Amino acid sequence: MAVPKPRPTRANRLYLNTGTGSSQYIDAGVFRNLSLAGRSSVPVAIEVHWIDSHDQHFLVDMGRNLTTVAKDAGPVDLSILSNDWTGMVKKFWLEFAGSGNNLSSNVRIGWVKLTE
């Protein structure tokens, strides 16, 4: 089943802890492979958002979906999906969106990994 293009809202963000200082930012040159496991009560697309150390906001569709059956998504190399996955990342979050404005409130995430 195809999932429509995401229509994210601020209500569906899952932030990953990137610390409070520049020494704790994510080095996008090293950590670029994103994986997660989860499910949703309705199919939802996964959008990846980040803000770099220069306060520029970027986003990319992960190209994977969560469905009603729990499964792994990834790993996906963010540097291949976006030329903007470079430098130091100070904020990182995922957004989940279904068709129209019908965002599922029953998204379940088991784990998220950002690896080399």
N, C-alpha and C. Protein backbone atom coordinates (compact mmCIF):
# COMPACT_ATOMS: atom_id res chain seq x y z
N MET A 1 0.84 -1.17 0.00
CA MET A 1 0.00 0.00 0.00
C MET A 1 0.88 1.24 0.00
N ALA A 2 0.68 2.11 -0.95
CA ALA A 2 1.46 3.35 -1.03
C ALA A 2 0.99 4.33 0.04
N VAL A 3 1.95 5.03 0.61
CA VAL A 3 1.64 6.04 1.62
C VAL A 3 1.82 7.40 0.96
N PRO A 4 0.82 8.29 1.09
CA PRO A 4 0.92 9.62 0.47
C PRO A 4 2.09 10.41 1.04
N LYS A 5 2.46 11.46 0.31
CA LYS A 5 3.53 12.36 0.76
C LYS A 5 3.21 12.89 2.15
N PRO A 6 4.21 12.91 3.04
CA PRO A 6 3.98 13.37 4.41
C PRO A 6 3.46 14.80 4.47
N ARG A 7 2.61 15.05 5.46
CA ARG A 7 2.12 16.39 5.76
C ARG A 7 2.38 16.61 7.24
N PRO A 8 3.64 16.86 7.59
CA PRO A 8 4.00 16.92 9.01
C PRO A 8 3.38 18.09 9.75
N THR A 9 3.19 17.90 11.03
CA THR A 9 2.77 18.96 11.93
C THR A 9 3.65 18.89 13.16
N ARG A 10 3.63 19.93 13.96
CA ARG A 10 4.47 19.94 15.16
C ARG A 10 4.02 18.91 16.19
N ALA A 11 2.83 18.37 16.05
CA ALA A 11 2.29 17.44 17.04
C ALA A 11 2.85 16.03 16.90
N ASN A 12 3.58 15.75 15.84
CA ASN A 12 4.00 14.37 15.61
C ASN A 12 5.52 14.22 15.55
N ARG A 13 6.22 15.00 16.33
CA ARG A 13 7.69 14.95 16.33
C ARG A 13 8.21 14.00 17.40
N LEU A 14 9.24 13.25 17.03
CA LEU A 14 9.98 12.42 17.98
C LEU A 14 11.43 12.90 17.93
N TYR A 15 11.83 13.66 18.96
CA TYR A 15 13.18 14.20 19.02
C TYR A 15 14.15 13.17 19.58
N LEU A 16 15.34 13.13 19.03
CA LEU A 16 16.42 12.32 19.56
C LEU A 16 17.35 13.25 20.33
N ASN A 17 17.82 12.82 21.46
CA ASN A 17 18.65 13.66 22.31
C ASN A 17 20.01 13.88 21.67
N THR A 18 20.33 15.14 21.41
CA THR A 18 21.64 15.49 20.84
C THR A 18 22.48 16.27 21.83
N GLY A 19 22.08 16.27 23.09
CA GLY A 19 22.86 16.96 24.11
C GLY A 19 22.58 18.45 24.13
N THR A 20 23.37 19.16 24.93
CA THR A 20 23.12 20.59 25.10
C THR A 20 24.26 21.46 24.61
N GLY A 21 25.39 20.88 24.28
CA GLY A 21 26.52 21.68 23.83
C GLY A 21 27.10 21.16 22.54
N SER A 22 27.92 21.98 21.90
CA SER A 22 28.47 21.61 20.59
C SER A 22 29.33 20.35 20.65
N SER A 23 29.90 20.03 21.80
CA SER A 23 30.70 18.81 21.90
C SER A 23 29.84 17.55 21.82
N GLN A 24 28.52 17.71 21.93
CA GLN A 24 27.60 16.57 21.89
C GLN A 24 26.79 16.51 20.59
N TYR A 25 27.05 17.39 19.65
CA TYR A 25 26.35 17.36 18.37
C TYR A 25 26.68 16.06 17.63
N ILE A 26 25.83 15.71 16.68
CA ILE A 26 26.04 14.52 15.85
C ILE A 26 26.95 14.89 14.69
N ASP A 27 28.01 14.14 14.51
CA ASP A 27 28.91 14.34 13.37
C ASP A 27 28.32 13.58 12.18
N ALA A 28 27.71 14.33 11.24
CA ALA A 28 27.03 13.71 10.10
C ALA A 28 28.00 13.00 9.17
N GLY A 29 29.27 13.34 9.23
CA GLY A 29 30.26 12.65 8.41
C GLY A 29 30.56 11.25 8.92
N VAL A 30 30.26 11.00 10.19
CA VAL A 30 30.50 9.69 10.80
C VAL A 30 29.20 8.91 10.94
N PHE A 31 28.20 9.53 11.54
CA PHE A 31 26.93 8.85 11.82
C PHE A 31 25.92 9.21 10.74
N ARG A 32 25.71 8.28 9.82
CA ARG A 32 24.84 8.59 8.69
C ARG A 32 23.78 7.53 8.40
N ASN A 33 23.86 6.36 9.02
CA ASN A 33 22.91 5.29 8.74
C ASN A 33 21.81 5.26 9.79
N LEU A 34 20.59 5.53 9.37
CA LEU A 34 19.43 5.59 10.25
C LEU A 34 18.61 4.32 10.13
N SER A 35 18.29 3.73 11.27
CA SER A 35 17.42 2.55 11.34
C SER A 35 16.44 2.76 12.48
N LEU A 36 15.28 2.13 12.37
CA LEU A 36 14.32 2.14 13.46
C LEU A 36 13.40 0.95 13.32
N ALA A 37 12.70 0.66 14.39
CA ALA A 37 11.70 -0.40 14.37
C ALA A 37 10.44 0.15 14.99
N GLY A 38 9.31 -0.17 14.39
CA GLY A 38 8.05 0.31 14.94
C GLY A 38 6.87 -0.13 14.12
N ARG A 39 5.72 0.39 14.50
CA ARG A 39 4.48 0.13 13.78
C ARG A 39 3.53 1.30 14.00
N SER A 40 2.45 1.30 13.26
CA SER A 40 1.46 2.36 13.37
C SER A 40 0.08 1.77 13.10
N SER A 41 -0.94 2.37 13.67
CA SER A 41 -2.30 1.86 13.46
C SER A 41 -2.79 2.12 12.04
N VAL A 42 -2.19 3.07 11.36
CA VAL A 42 -2.43 3.32 9.93
C VAL A 42 -1.07 3.55 9.28
N PRO A 43 -0.92 3.26 8.00
CA PRO A 43 0.38 3.48 7.35
C PRO A 43 0.80 4.95 7.44
N VAL A 44 2.06 5.16 7.80
CA VAL A 44 2.61 6.51 7.88
C VAL A 44 3.99 6.54 7.24
N ALA A 45 4.29 7.65 6.62
CA ALA A 45 5.62 7.90 6.06
C ALA A 45 6.51 8.47 7.15
N ILE A 46 7.82 8.33 6.98
CA ILE A 46 8.79 8.80 7.96
C ILE A 46 9.60 9.91 7.34
N GLU A 47 9.56 11.08 7.92
CA GLU A 47 10.37 12.21 7.50
C GLU A 47 11.45 12.45 8.53
N VAL A 48 12.67 12.71 8.07
CA VAL A 48 13.81 12.98 8.93
C VAL A 48 14.12 14.47 8.85
N HIS A 49 14.21 15.12 10.02
CA HIS A 49 14.50 16.55 10.09
C HIS A 49 15.75 16.77 10.92
N TRP A 50 16.51 17.80 10.59
CA TRP A 50 17.65 18.17 11.42
C TRP A 50 17.97 19.65 11.25
N ILE A 51 18.65 20.17 12.26
CA ILE A 51 19.16 21.53 12.24
C ILE A 51 20.66 21.42 12.46
N ASP A 52 21.42 22.05 11.55
CA ASP A 52 22.87 21.94 11.67
C ASP A 52 23.42 23.02 12.60
N SER A 53 24.72 23.01 12.77
CA SER A 53 25.37 23.95 13.69
C SER A 53 25.28 25.40 13.22
N HIS A 54 24.83 25.62 11.98
CA HIS A 54 24.62 26.98 11.45
C HIS A 54 23.15 27.37 11.48
N ASP A 55 22.35 26.61 12.22
CA ASP A 55 20.90 26.84 12.38
C ASP A 55 20.11 26.73 11.09
N GLN A 56 20.59 25.91 10.15
CA GLN A 56 19.85 25.65 8.93
C GLN A 56 19.02 24.38 9.12
N HIS A 57 17.75 24.43 8.70
CA HIS A 57 16.83 23.31 8.84
C HIS A 57 16.77 22.53 7.53
N PHE A 58 16.88 21.21 7.64
CA PHE A 58 16.81 20.34 6.48
C PHE A 58 15.83 19.21 6.76
N LEU A 59 15.32 18.60 5.70
CA LEU A 59 14.45 17.43 5.87
C LEU A 59 14.56 16.55 4.65
N VAL A 60 14.27 15.28 4.87
CA VAL A 60 14.27 14.31 3.79
C VAL A 60 13.26 13.21 4.14
N ASP A 61 12.58 12.71 3.13
CA ASP A 61 11.71 11.55 3.32
C ASP A 61 12.61 10.33 3.43
N MET A 62 12.44 9.54 4.47
CA MET A 62 13.28 8.37 4.69
C MET A 62 13.09 7.32 3.60
N GLY A 63 11.96 7.39 2.89
CA GLY A 63 11.69 6.42 1.85
C GLY A 63 11.20 5.09 2.38
N ARG A 64 10.89 5.05 3.67
CA ARG A 64 10.35 3.86 4.32
C ARG A 64 9.07 4.25 5.04
N ASN A 65 8.22 3.27 5.30
CA ASN A 65 6.95 3.53 5.97
C ASN A 65 6.81 2.64 7.20
N LEU A 66 6.04 3.12 8.14
CA LEU A 66 5.58 2.26 9.23
C LEU A 66 4.19 1.79 8.85
N THR A 67 3.92 0.51 9.08
CA THR A 67 2.61 -0.05 8.77
C THR A 67 2.03 -0.67 10.04
N THR A 68 0.91 -1.34 9.89
CA THR A 68 0.25 -1.94 11.05
C THR A 68 1.00 -3.14 11.59
N VAL A 69 1.91 -3.68 10.81
CA VAL A 69 2.74 -4.80 11.25
C VAL A 69 4.09 -4.25 11.70
N ALA A 70 4.51 -4.57 12.91
CA ALA A 70 5.81 -4.09 13.41
C ALA A 70 6.93 -4.63 12.54
N LYS A 71 7.85 -3.73 12.18
CA LYS A 71 8.99 -4.14 11.35
C LYS A 71 10.12 -3.14 11.49
N ASP A 72 11.28 -3.54 10.98
CA ASP A 72 12.44 -2.66 10.94
C ASP A 72 12.38 -1.80 9.68
N ALA A 73 12.87 -0.58 9.80
CA ALA A 73 13.00 0.32 8.65
C ALA A 73 14.45 0.77 8.61
N GLY A 74 15.14 0.41 7.56
CA GLY A 74 16.53 0.81 7.43
C GLY A 74 17.46 -0.37 7.53
N PRO A 75 18.74 -0.11 7.53
CA PRO A 75 19.36 1.21 7.59
C PRO A 75 19.26 1.96 6.26
N VAL A 76 19.14 3.26 6.40
CA VAL A 76 19.10 4.17 5.26
C VAL A 76 20.25 5.15 5.43
N ASP A 77 21.06 5.31 4.40
CA ASP A 77 22.20 6.23 4.44
C ASP A 77 21.70 7.64 4.15
N LEU A 78 21.65 8.47 5.18
CA LEU A 78 21.14 9.84 5.03
C LEU A 78 21.99 10.68 4.08
N SER A 79 23.28 10.38 3.98
CA SER A 79 24.15 11.15 3.09
C SER A 79 23.84 10.88 1.62
N ILE A 80 23.22 9.73 1.34
CA ILE A 80 22.80 9.44 -0.03
C ILE A 80 21.45 10.10 -0.31
N LEU A 81 20.57 10.14 0.70
CA LEU A 81 19.25 10.76 0.51
C LEU A 81 19.34 12.28 0.40
N SER A 82 20.33 12.87 1.06
CA SER A 82 20.44 14.34 1.05
C SER A 82 21.90 14.78 1.06
N ASN A 83 22.24 15.66 0.13
CA ASN A 83 23.58 16.25 0.12
C ASN A 83 23.79 17.17 1.31
N ASP A 84 22.72 17.50 2.03
CA ASP A 84 22.80 18.40 3.18
C ASP A 84 23.15 17.67 4.47
N TRP A 85 23.21 16.33 4.44
CA TRP A 85 23.60 15.58 5.64
C TRP A 85 25.12 15.65 5.76
N THR A 86 25.60 16.79 6.28
CA THR A 86 27.03 17.04 6.44
C THR A 86 27.23 17.88 7.69
N GLY A 87 28.48 17.99 8.11
CA GLY A 87 28.81 18.86 9.24
C GLY A 87 28.31 18.32 10.56
N MET A 88 27.98 19.25 11.45
CA MET A 88 27.53 18.90 12.80
C MET A 88 26.03 19.17 12.93
N VAL A 89 25.31 18.21 13.49
CA VAL A 89 23.86 18.29 13.65
C VAL A 89 23.54 18.54 15.11
N LYS A 90 22.82 19.65 15.37
CA LYS A 90 22.52 19.97 16.77
C LYS A 90 21.11 19.60 17.20
N LYS A 91 20.19 19.42 16.25
CA LYS A 91 18.85 18.92 16.56
C LYS A 91 18.48 17.90 15.50
N PHE A 92 17.79 16.83 15.94
CA PHE A 92 17.44 15.74 15.04
C PHE A 92 16.11 15.17 15.48
N TRP A 93 15.16 15.05 14.55
CA TRP A 93 13.87 14.47 14.90
C TRP A 93 13.23 13.78 13.71
N LEU A 94 12.27 12.93 14.03
CA LEU A 94 11.48 12.21 13.04
C LEU A 94 10.05 12.72 13.10
N GLU A 95 9.39 12.72 11.95
CA GLU A 95 7.97 13.06 11.89
C GLU A 95 7.27 11.96 11.12
N PHE A 96 6.07 11.62 11.57
CA PHE A 96 5.28 10.54 10.98
C PHE A 96 3.99 11.13 10.45
N ALA A 97 3.65 10.85 9.19
CA ALA A 97 2.46 11.44 8.61
C ALA A 97 1.75 10.46 7.70
N GLY A 98 0.43 10.46 7.79
CA GLY A 98 -0.40 9.63 6.92
C GLY A 98 -1.06 10.49 5.87
N SER A 99 -2.14 9.98 5.29
CA SER A 99 -2.82 10.70 4.23
C SER A 99 -3.58 11.90 4.79
N GLY A 100 -3.61 12.95 4.01
CA GLY A 100 -4.31 14.16 4.42
C GLY A 100 -3.82 14.66 5.76
N ASN A 101 -4.73 15.02 6.62
CA ASN A 101 -4.38 15.45 7.96
C ASN A 101 -4.68 14.38 9.00
N ASN A 102 -4.92 13.16 8.54
CA ASN A 102 -5.27 12.06 9.44
C ASN A 102 -4.02 11.39 10.00
N LEU A 103 -3.35 12.08 10.87
CA LEU A 103 -2.14 11.56 11.47
C LEU A 103 -2.51 10.52 12.52
N SER A 104 -1.85 9.39 12.46
CA SER A 104 -2.10 8.36 13.44
C SER A 104 -1.59 8.78 14.80
N SER A 105 -2.38 8.57 15.83
CA SER A 105 -1.91 8.85 17.18
C SER A 105 -1.38 7.59 17.84
N ASN A 106 -1.33 6.50 17.10
CA ASN A 106 -0.90 5.22 17.64
C ASN A 106 0.39 4.72 17.00
N VAL A 107 1.38 5.60 16.88
CA VAL A 107 2.69 5.20 16.39
C VAL A 107 3.47 4.63 17.57
N ARG A 108 4.07 3.47 17.38
CA ARG A 108 4.87 2.82 18.42
C ARG A 108 6.28 2.62 17.86
N ILE A 109 7.27 3.14 18.56
CA ILE A 109 8.65 3.01 18.15
C ILE A 109 9.38 2.15 19.17
N GLY A 110 10.00 1.09 18.73
CA GLY A 110 10.75 0.21 19.63
C GLY A 110 12.16 0.71 19.87
N TRP A 111 12.82 1.15 18.80
CA TRP A 111 14.18 1.67 18.90
C TRP A 111 14.51 2.51 17.67
N VAL A 112 15.49 3.39 17.85
CA VAL A 112 16.03 4.21 16.76
C VAL A 112 17.55 4.17 16.89
N LYS A 113 18.24 3.98 15.77
CA LYS A 113 19.71 3.96 15.77
C LYS A 113 20.24 4.86 14.67
N LEU A 114 21.27 5.59 14.98
CA LEU A 114 22.02 6.36 14.01
C LEU A 114 23.46 5.87 14.14
N THR A 115 23.94 5.17 13.11
CA THR A 115 25.24 4.49 13.21
C THR A 115 26.17 4.89 12.07
N GLU A 116 27.41 4.42 12.19
CA GLU A 116 28.42 4.67 11.15
C GLU A 116 28.11 3.89 9.90
